[in-house]
C-alpha atoms as a PDB file:
ATOM      1  CA  MET A   1     -27.606 103.831 -36.685  1.00  0.00           C
ATOM      2  CA  GLY A   2     -24.583 103.846 -34.522  1.00  0.00           C
ATOM      3  CA  LEU A   3     -24.173 103.931 -30.818  1.00  0.00           C
ATOM      4  CA  PRO A   4     -24.185 106.780 -28.012  1.00  0.00           C
ATOM      5  CA  THR A   5     -20.703 108.411 -27.841  1.00  0.00           C
ATOM      6  CA  PHE A   6     -20.562 107.816 -24.212  1.00  0.00           C
ATOM      7  CA  LEU A   7     -19.743 104.306 -25.031  1.00  0.00           C
ATOM      8  CA  GLN A   8     -16.465 105.215 -26.677  1.00  0.00           C
ATOM      9  CA  GLY A   9     -14.517 104.720 -23.512  1.00  0.00           C
ATOM     10  CA  CYS A  10     -15.318 101.023 -23.623  1.00  0.00           C
ATOM     11  CA  LEU A  11     -15.221 100.590 -27.251  1.00  0.00           C
ATOM     12  CA  TRP A  12     -12.246 102.910 -28.116  1.00  0.00           C
ATOM     13  CA  SER A  13     -10.944 100.947 -30.963  1.00  0.00           C
ATOM     14  CA  TYR A  14     -14.320 100.799 -32.877  1.00  0.00           C
ATOM     15  CA  ASP A  15     -16.186 103.411 -35.251  1.00  0.00           C
ATOM     16  CA  LEU A  16     -19.551 103.767 -33.158  1.00  0.00           C
ATOM     17  CA  SER A  17     -21.296 105.014 -35.956  1.00  0.00           C
ATOM     18  CA  LYS A  18     -20.745 102.046 -37.899  1.00  0.00           C
ATOM     19  CA  MET A  19     -21.671  99.586 -35.080  1.00  0.00           C
ATOM     20  CA  ASP A  20     -25.061  98.055 -34.578  1.00  0.00           C
ATOM     21  CA  VAL A  21     -26.703  97.012 -31.613  1.00  0.00           C
ATOM     22  CA  GLY A  22     -28.118  93.874 -32.895  1.00  0.00           C
ATOM     23  CA  ARG A  23     -25.111  92.503 -35.216  1.00  0.00           C
ATOM     24  CA  ASP A  24     -22.280  93.800 -32.528  1.00  0.00           C
ATOM     25  CA  TYR A  25     -23.927  92.500 -29.349  1.00  0.00           C
ATOM     26  CA  ARG A  26     -21.113  90.123 -28.494  1.00  0.00           C
ATOM     27  CA  ILE A  27     -18.549  92.960 -28.725  1.00  0.00           C
ATOM     28  CA  ILE A  28     -20.454  95.462 -27.151  1.00  0.00           C
ATOM     29  CA  ILE A  29     -21.460  93.507 -24.235  1.00  0.00           C
ATOM     30  CA  THR A  30     -18.177  92.103 -23.633  1.00  0.00           C
ATOM     31  CA  GLN A  31     -16.470  95.711 -23.653  1.00  0.00           C
ATOM     32  CA  VAL A  32     -19.156  97.389 -21.600  1.00  0.00           C
ATOM     33  CA  LEU A  33     -19.205  94.641 -18.768  1.00  0.00           C
ATOM     34  CA  ASN A  34     -15.351  94.551 -18.788  1.00  0.00           C
ATOM     35  CA  TYR A  35     -14.747  98.340 -19.111  1.00  0.00           C
ATOM     36  CA  GLY A  36     -17.992 100.264 -18.448  1.00  0.00           C
ATOM     37  CA  GLY A  37     -19.008 102.662 -15.505  1.00  0.00           C
ATOM     38  CA  GLU A  38     -22.549 103.201 -14.252  1.00  0.00           C
ATOM     39  CA  GLU A  39     -23.970 105.074 -17.287  1.00  0.00           C
ATOM     40  CA  GLN A  40     -22.753 102.577 -19.723  1.00  0.00           C
ATOM     41  CA  LEU A  41     -23.989  99.481 -17.572  1.00  0.00           C
ATOM     42  CA  ASP A  42     -27.239 101.124 -17.407  1.00  0.00           C
ATOM     43  CA  TRP A  43     -27.335 101.621 -21.095  1.00  0.00           C
ATOM     44  CA  LEU A  44     -26.425  97.887 -21.443  1.00  0.00           C
ATOM     45  CA  MET A  45     -29.126  96.585 -19.158  1.00  0.00           C
ATOM     46  CA  VAL A  46     -31.857  98.700 -21.031  1.00  0.00           C
ATOM     47  CA  ASN A  47     -30.665  97.731 -24.383  1.00  0.00           C
ATOM     48  CA  TYR A  48     -29.956  93.970 -23.999  1.00  0.00           C
ATOM     49  CA  SER A  49     -32.044  91.297 -22.171  1.00  0.00           C
ATOM     50  CA  PRO A  50     -30.564  89.254 -19.374  1.00  0.00           C
ATOM     51  CA  GLU A  51     -31.111  86.239 -21.725  1.00  0.00           C
ATOM     52  CA  LYS A  52     -28.743  87.667 -24.199  1.00  0.00           C
ATOM     53  CA  ILE A  53     -26.155  89.064 -21.685  1.00  0.00           C
ATOM     54  CA  GLU A  54     -26.029  85.782 -20.280  1.00  0.00           C
ATOM     55  CA  GLU A  55     -25.341  84.116 -23.641  1.00  0.00           C
ATOM     56  CA  VAL A  56     -22.353  86.192 -23.981  1.00  0.00           C
ATOM     57  CA  LEU A  57     -21.245  85.331 -20.417  1.00  0.00           C
ATOM     58  CA  LEU A  58     -21.661  81.616 -21.026  1.00  0.00           C
ATOM     59  CA  HIS A  59     -19.491  81.757 -24.022  1.00  0.00           C
ATOM     60  CA  PRO A  60     -17.138  84.122 -23.236  1.00  0.00           C
ATOM     61  CA  ALA A  61     -14.397  85.198 -26.113  1.00  0.00           C
ATOM     62  CA  ARG A  62     -10.910  83.860 -25.327  1.00  0.00           C
ATOM     63  CA  GLY A  63      -8.177  86.583 -24.521  1.00  0.00           C
ATOM     64  CA  VAL A  64     -10.744  89.634 -24.205  1.00  0.00           C
ATOM     65  CA  TRP A  65     -11.949  89.193 -20.521  1.00  0.00           C
ATOM     66  CA  PHE A  66     -10.597  90.471 -17.264  1.00  0.00           C
ATOM     67  CA  ARG A  67     -10.723  87.160 -15.543  1.00  0.00           C
ATOM     68  CA  GLU A  68     -12.065  88.971 -12.092  1.00  0.00           C
ATOM     69  CA  ARG A  69     -14.634  90.922 -14.034  1.00  0.00           C
ATOM     70  CA  LEU A  70     -16.017  87.850 -15.611  1.00  0.00           C
ATOM     71  CA  ARG A  71     -16.090  86.067 -12.551  1.00  0.00           C
ATOM     72  CA  GLN A  72     -18.146  89.062 -10.867  1.00  0.00           C
ATOM     73  CA  TRP A  73     -20.430  89.147 -13.856  1.00  0.00           C
ATOM     74  CA  LEU A  74     -21.169  85.600 -13.605  1.00  0.00           C
ATOM     75  CA  GLY A  75     -22.001  85.676  -9.963  1.00  0.00           C
ATOM     76  CA  GLN A  76     -24.331  88.706 -10.366  1.00  0.00           C
ATOM     77  CA  PHE A  77     -26.186  86.611 -13.072  1.00  0.00           C
ATOM     78  CA  ARG A  78     -26.131  83.661 -10.573  1.00  0.00           C
ATOM     79  CA  MET A  79     -24.269  81.670 -13.218  1.00  0.00           C
ATOM     80  CA  MET A  80     -21.273  80.220 -11.011  1.00  0.00           C
END
């Protein structure tokens, strides 16, 4: 089905028409939490459960996260 075009700013190196919300959840969640603005973050919270987001935060991909952003989200989800 593809993703909404307003996510392109977070996923600039991906073809949104070929991405799947279920299959590509790790990439999507990581990139939106790292780079997203209010619109992208609102979309993320509607499309993914807190448990799915926490799973990605608990097992961060190496070399992808901004350290400060990861800490921020870990704190917001009360995981620190």
